[in-house]
Amino acid sequence: MGAKVLERFPAGSPRGSWPAEEYAAERRAEGEPATVVMDLKSDAFLVVVPAADED
């Protein structure tokens, strides 16, 4: 399963700030199945959607 990264947010946001979750919620409100995942290697939160099948 692949995923397309829509946006990347640094993990060091101020306490109580969730920019990745807010961005994903806005995308979901527009009908995109966006989710937030943590990229440990880059220490960032990624907002992703499933990749389109290209058979």
PDB file of N, CA and C in Angstrom:
ATOM      1  N   MET A   1       0.841  -1.180   0.000  1.00  0.00           N
ATOM      2  CA  MET A   1       0.000   0.000   0.000  1.00  0.00           C
ATOM      3  C   MET A   1       0.888   1.245   0.000  1.00  0.00           C
ATOM      4  N   GLY A   2       0.632   2.138  -0.915  1.00  0.00           N
ATOM      5  CA  GLY A   2       1.378   3.372  -0.978  1.00  0.00           C
ATOM      6  C   GLY A   2       0.548   4.529  -0.450  1.00  0.00           C
ATOM      7  N   ALA A   3       1.234   5.624  -0.211  1.00  0.00           N
ATOM      8  CA  ALA A   3       0.547   6.820   0.271  1.00  0.00           C
ATOM      9  C   ALA A   3       1.181   8.045  -0.360  1.00  0.00           C
ATOM     10  N   LYS A   4       0.373   9.055  -0.546  1.00  0.00           N
ATOM     11  CA  LYS A   4       0.832  10.334  -1.079  1.00  0.00           C
ATOM     12  C   LYS A   4       0.888  11.315   0.084  1.00  0.00           C
ATOM     13  N   VAL A   5       2.034  11.977   0.254  1.00  0.00           N
ATOM     14  CA  VAL A   5       2.194  12.967   1.323  1.00  0.00           C
ATOM     15  C   VAL A   5       1.630  14.297   0.842  1.00  0.00           C
ATOM     16  N   LEU A   6       0.658  14.824   1.581  1.00  0.00           N
ATOM     17  CA  LEU A   6       0.074  16.120   1.243  1.00  0.00           C
ATOM     18  C   LEU A   6       0.841  17.267   1.888  1.00  0.00           C
ATOM     19  N   GLU A   7       1.274  17.049   3.134  1.00  0.00           N
ATOM     20  CA  GLU A   7       1.947  18.117   3.871  1.00  0.00           C
ATOM     21  C   GLU A   7       2.807  17.498   4.962  1.00  0.00           C
ATOM     22  N   ARG A   8       3.834  18.223   5.375  1.00  0.00           N
ATOM     23  CA  ARG A   8       4.780  17.774   6.395  1.00  0.00           C
ATOM     24  C   ARG A   8       4.877  18.858   7.473  1.00  0.00           C
ATOM     25  N   PHE A   9       4.818  18.442   8.745  1.00  0.00           N
ATOM     26  CA  PHE A   9       4.870  19.375   9.863  1.00  0.00           C
ATOM     27  C   PHE A   9       5.943  18.923  10.842  1.00  0.00           C
ATOM     28  N   PRO A  10       6.814  19.824  11.306  1.00  0.00           N
ATOM     29  CA  PRO A  10       7.830  19.434  12.288  1.00  0.00           C
ATOM     30  C   PRO A  10       7.175  18.976  13.591  1.00  0.00           C
ATOM     31  N   ALA A  11       7.813  18.020  14.245  1.00  0.00           N
ATOM     32  CA  ALA A  11       7.253  17.469  15.479  1.00  0.00           C
ATOM     33  C   ALA A  11       7.395  18.423  16.663  1.00  0.00           C
ATOM     34  N   GLY A  12       8.182  19.460  16.553  1.00  0.00           N
ATOM     35  CA  GLY A  12       8.428  20.367  17.665  1.00  0.00           C
ATOM     36  C   GLY A  12       7.462  21.525  17.766  1.00  0.00           C
ATOM     37  N   SER A  13       6.212  21.332  17.457  1.00  0.00           N
ATOM     38  CA  SER A  13       5.217  22.406  17.561  1.00  0.00           C
ATOM     39  C   SER A  13       5.009  22.788  19.027  1.00  0.00           C
ATOM     40  N   PRO A  14       4.561  24.008  19.276  1.00  0.00           N
ATOM     41  CA  PRO A  14       4.310  24.422  20.668  1.00  0.00           C
ATOM     42  C   PRO A  14       3.292  23.501  21.350  1.00  0.00           C
ATOM     43  N   ARG A  15       3.420  23.357  22.644  1.00  0.00           N
ATOM     44  CA  ARG A  15       2.517  22.497  23.419  1.00  0.00           C
ATOM     45  C   ARG A  15       1.061  22.921  23.196  1.00  0.00           C
ATOM     46  N   GLY A  16       0.201  21.950  22.931  1.00  0.00           N
ATOM     47  CA  GLY A  16      -1.212  22.231  22.703  1.00  0.00           C
ATOM     48  C   GLY A  16      -1.535  22.600  21.266  1.00  0.00           C
ATOM     49  N   SER A  17      -0.525  22.636  20.398  1.00  0.00           N
ATOM     50  CA  SER A  17      -0.724  22.962  18.987  1.00  0.00           C
ATOM     51  C   SER A  17      -0.639  21.679  18.173  1.00  0.00           C
ATOM     52  N   TRP A  18      -1.628  21.440  17.331  1.00  0.00           N
ATOM     53  CA  TRP A  18      -1.690  20.219  16.527  1.00  0.00           C
ATOM     54  C   TRP A  18      -1.896  20.572  15.051  1.00  0.00           C
ATOM     55  N   PRO A  19      -0.958  21.248  14.398  1.00  0.00           N
ATOM     56  CA  PRO A  19      -1.170  21.693  13.020  1.00  0.00           C
ATOM     57  C   PRO A  19      -1.404  20.555  12.025  1.00  0.00           C
ATOM     58  N   ALA A  20      -0.751  19.432  12.208  1.00  0.00           N
ATOM     59  CA  ALA A  20      -0.944  18.307  11.284  1.00  0.00           C
ATOM     60  C   ALA A  20      -2.368  17.768  11.400  1.00  0.00           C
ATOM     61  N   GLU A  21      -2.851  17.615  12.635  1.00  0.00           N
ATOM     62  CA  GLU A  21      -4.214  17.118  12.841  1.00  0.00           C
ATOM     63  C   GLU A  21      -5.247  18.102  12.301  1.00  0.00           C
ATOM     64  N   GLU A  22      -5.000  19.391  12.491  1.00  0.00           N
ATOM     65  CA  GLU A  22      -5.930  20.399  11.982  1.00  0.00           C
ATOM     66  C   GLU A  22      -5.959  20.388  10.453  1.00  0.00           C
ATOM     67  N   TYR A  23      -4.795  20.265   9.826  1.00  0.00           N
ATOM     68  CA  TYR A  23      -4.716  20.212   8.370  1.00  0.00           C
ATOM     69  C   TYR A  23      -5.439  18.970   7.838  1.00  0.00           C
ATOM     70  N   ALA A  24      -5.209  17.825   8.486  1.00  0.00           N
ATOM     71  CA  ALA A  24      -5.871  16.588   8.066  1.00  0.00           C
ATOM     72  C   ALA A  24      -7.385  16.699   8.219  1.00  0.00           C
ATOM     73  N   ALA A  25      -7.840  17.321   9.297  1.00  0.00           N
ATOM     74  CA  ALA A  25      -9.288  17.493   9.511  1.00  0.00           C
ATOM     75  C   ALA A  25      -9.898  18.355   8.411  1.00  0.00           C
ATOM     76  N   GLU A  26      -9.171  19.389   7.989  1.00  0.00           N
ATOM     77  CA  GLU A  26      -9.662  20.238   6.889  1.00  0.00           C
ATOM     78  C   GLU A  26      -9.760  19.432   5.596  1.00  0.00           C
ATOM     79  N   ARG A  27      -8.764  18.578   5.324  1.00  0.00           N
ATOM     80  CA  ARG A  27      -8.799  17.751   4.116  1.00  0.00           C
ATOM     81  C   ARG A  27      -9.958  16.755   4.182  1.00  0.00           C
ATOM     82  N   ARG A  28     -10.185  16.165   5.370  1.00  0.00           N
ATOM     83  CA  ARG A  28     -11.309  15.220   5.516  1.00  0.00           C
ATOM     84  C   ARG A  28     -12.634  15.928   5.302  1.00  0.00           C
ATOM     85  N   ALA A  29     -12.753  17.172   5.761  1.00  0.00           N
ATOM     86  CA  ALA A  29     -13.980  17.942   5.558  1.00  0.00           C
ATOM     87  C   ALA A  29     -14.232  18.189   4.071  1.00  0.00           C
ATOM     88  N   GLU A  30     -13.160  18.192   3.274  1.00  0.00           N
ATOM     89  CA  GLU A  30     -13.272  18.363   1.818  1.00  0.00           C
ATOM     90  C   GLU A  30     -13.460  17.037   1.094  1.00  0.00           C
ATOM     91  N   GLY A  31     -13.506  15.932   1.852  1.00  0.00           N
ATOM     92  CA  GLY A  31     -13.765  14.631   1.253  1.00  0.00           C
ATOM     93  C   GLY A  31     -12.537  13.772   0.996  1.00  0.00           C
ATOM     94  N   GLU A  32     -11.351  14.219   1.374  1.00  0.00           N
ATOM     95  CA  GLU A  32     -10.149  13.406   1.192  1.00  0.00           C
ATOM     96  C   GLU A  32      -9.926  12.558   2.443  1.00  0.00           C
ATOM     97  N   PRO A  33      -9.533  11.294   2.284  1.00  0.00           N
ATOM     98  CA  PRO A  33      -9.322  10.419   3.442  1.00  0.00           C
ATOM     99  C   PRO A  33      -7.944  10.638   4.079  1.00  0.00           C
ATOM    100  N   ALA A  34      -7.672  11.836   4.535  1.00  0.00           N
ATOM    101  CA  ALA A  34      -6.363  12.186   5.073  1.00  0.00           C
ATOM    102  C   ALA A  34      -6.167  11.657   6.494  1.00  0.00           C
ATOM    103  N   THR A  35      -4.953  11.174   6.748  1.00  0.00           N
ATOM    104  CA  THR A  35      -4.571  10.730   8.075  1.00  0.00           C
ATOM    105  C   THR A  35      -3.194  11.299   8.412  1.00  0.00           C
ATOM    106  N   VAL A  36      -2.863  11.284   9.690  1.00  0.00           N
ATOM    107  CA  VAL A  36      -1.569  11.783  10.150  1.00  0.00           C
ATOM    108  C   VAL A  36      -0.722  10.597  10.587  1.00  0.00           C
ATOM    109  N   VAL A  37       0.517  10.565  10.123  1.00  0.00           N
ATOM    110  CA  VAL A  37       1.472   9.540  10.530  1.00  0.00           C
ATOM    111  C   VAL A  37       2.753  10.231  10.981  1.00  0.00           C
ATOM    112  N   MET A  38       3.516   9.546  11.805  1.00  0.00           N
ATOM    113  CA  MET A  38       4.780  10.089  12.293  1.00  0.00           C
ATOM    114  C   MET A  38       5.922   9.476  11.499  1.00  0.00           C
ATOM    115  N   ASP A  39       6.790  10.319  10.954  1.00  0.00           N
ATOM    116  CA  ASP A  39       8.006   9.865  10.284  1.00  0.00           C
ATOM    117  C   ASP A  39       9.133  10.025  11.300  1.00  0.00           C
ATOM    118  N   LEU A  40       9.514   8.926  11.933  1.00  0.00           N
ATOM    119  CA  LEU A  40      10.515   8.981  12.989  1.00  0.00           C
ATOM    120  C   LEU A  40      11.880   9.420  12.466  1.00  0.00           C
ATOM    121  N   LYS A  41      12.210   9.016  11.252  1.00  0.00           N
ATOM    122  CA  LYS A  41      13.526   9.343  10.688  1.00  0.00           C
ATOM    123  C   LYS A  41      13.713  10.858  10.544  1.00  0.00           C
ATOM    124  N   SER A  42      12.665  11.560  10.101  1.00  0.00           N
ATOM    125  CA  SER A  42      12.778  13.011   9.915  1.00  0.00           C
ATOM    126  C   SER A  42      12.181  13.802  11.088  1.00  0.00           C
ATOM    127  N   ASP A  43      11.642  13.101  12.095  1.00  0.00           N
ATOM    128  CA  ASP A  43      11.012  13.728  13.254  1.00  0.00           C
ATOM    129  C   ASP A  43       9.944  14.727  12.817  1.00  0.00           C
ATOM    130  N   ALA A  44       9.028  14.225  11.978  1.00  0.00           N
ATOM    131  CA  ALA A  44       7.967  15.083  11.450  1.00  0.00           C
ATOM    132  C   ALA A  44       6.666  14.296  11.373  1.00  0.00           C
ATOM    133  N   PHE A  45       5.562  15.040  11.434  1.00  0.00           N
ATOM    134  CA  PHE A  45       4.248  14.457  11.206  1.00  0.00           C
ATOM    135  C   PHE A  45       3.900  14.673   9.746  1.00  0.00           C
ATOM    136  N   LEU A  46       3.400  13.622   9.092  1.00  0.00           N
ATOM    137  CA  LEU A  46       3.016  13.693   7.688  1.00  0.00           C
ATOM    138  C   LEU A  46       1.516  13.523   7.560  1.00  0.00           C
ATOM    139  N   VAL A  47       0.901  14.343   6.731  1.00  0.00           N
ATOM    140  CA  VAL A  47      -0.515  14.174   6.401  1.00  0.00           C
ATOM    141  C   VAL A  47      -0.528  13.435   5.065  1.00  0.00           C
ATOM    142  N   VAL A  48      -1.118  12.248   5.074  1.00  0.00           N
ATOM    143  CA  VAL A  48      -1.096  11.393   3.888  1.00  0.00           C
ATOM    144  C   VAL A  48      -2.490  10.962   3.467  1.00  0.00           C
ATOM    145  N   VAL A  49      -2.603  10.619   2.185  1.00  0.00           N
ATOM    146  CA  VAL A  49      -3.810  10.005   1.629  1.00  0.00           C
ATOM    147  C   VAL A  49      -3.359   8.752   0.880  1.00  0.00           C
ATOM    148  N   PRO A  50      -4.223   7.760   0.755  1.00  0.00           N
ATOM    149  CA  PRO A  50      -3.856   6.562   0.001  1.00  0.00           C
ATOM    150  C   PRO A  50      -3.472   6.935  -1.436  1.00  0.00           C
ATOM    151  N   ALA A  51      -2.446   6.275  -1.951  1.00  0.00           N
ATOM    152  CA  ALA A  51      -2.011   6.509  -3.320  1.00  0.00           C
ATOM    153  C   ALA A  51      -3.032   5.923  -4.289  1.00  0.00           C
ATOM    154  N   ALA A  52      -3.210   6.605  -5.406  1.00  0.00           N
ATOM    155  CA  ALA A  52      -4.114   6.102  -6.438  1.00  0.00           C
ATOM    156  C   ALA A  52      -3.495   4.891  -7.100  1.00  0.00           C
ATOM    157  N   ASP A  53      -4.322   3.878  -7.378  1.00  0.00           N
ATOM    158  CA  ASP A  53      -3.832   2.692  -8.097  1.00  0.00           C
ATOM    159  C   ASP A  53      -3.575   3.043  -9.537  1.00  0.00           C
ATOM    160  N   GLU A  54      -2.376   2.708 -10.014  1.00  0.00           N
ATOM    161  CA  GLU A  54      -2.023   2.991 -11.403  1.00  0.00           C
ATOM    162  C   GLU A  54      -1.635   1.687 -12.078  1.00  0.00           C
ATOM    163  N   ASP A  55      -2.631   0.853 -12.375  1.00  0.00           N
ATOM    164  CA  ASP A  55      -2.383  -0.448 -13.012  1.00  0.00           C
ATOM    165  C   ASP A  55      -2.351  -0.334 -14.504  1.00  0.00           C
TER     166      ASP A  55
END
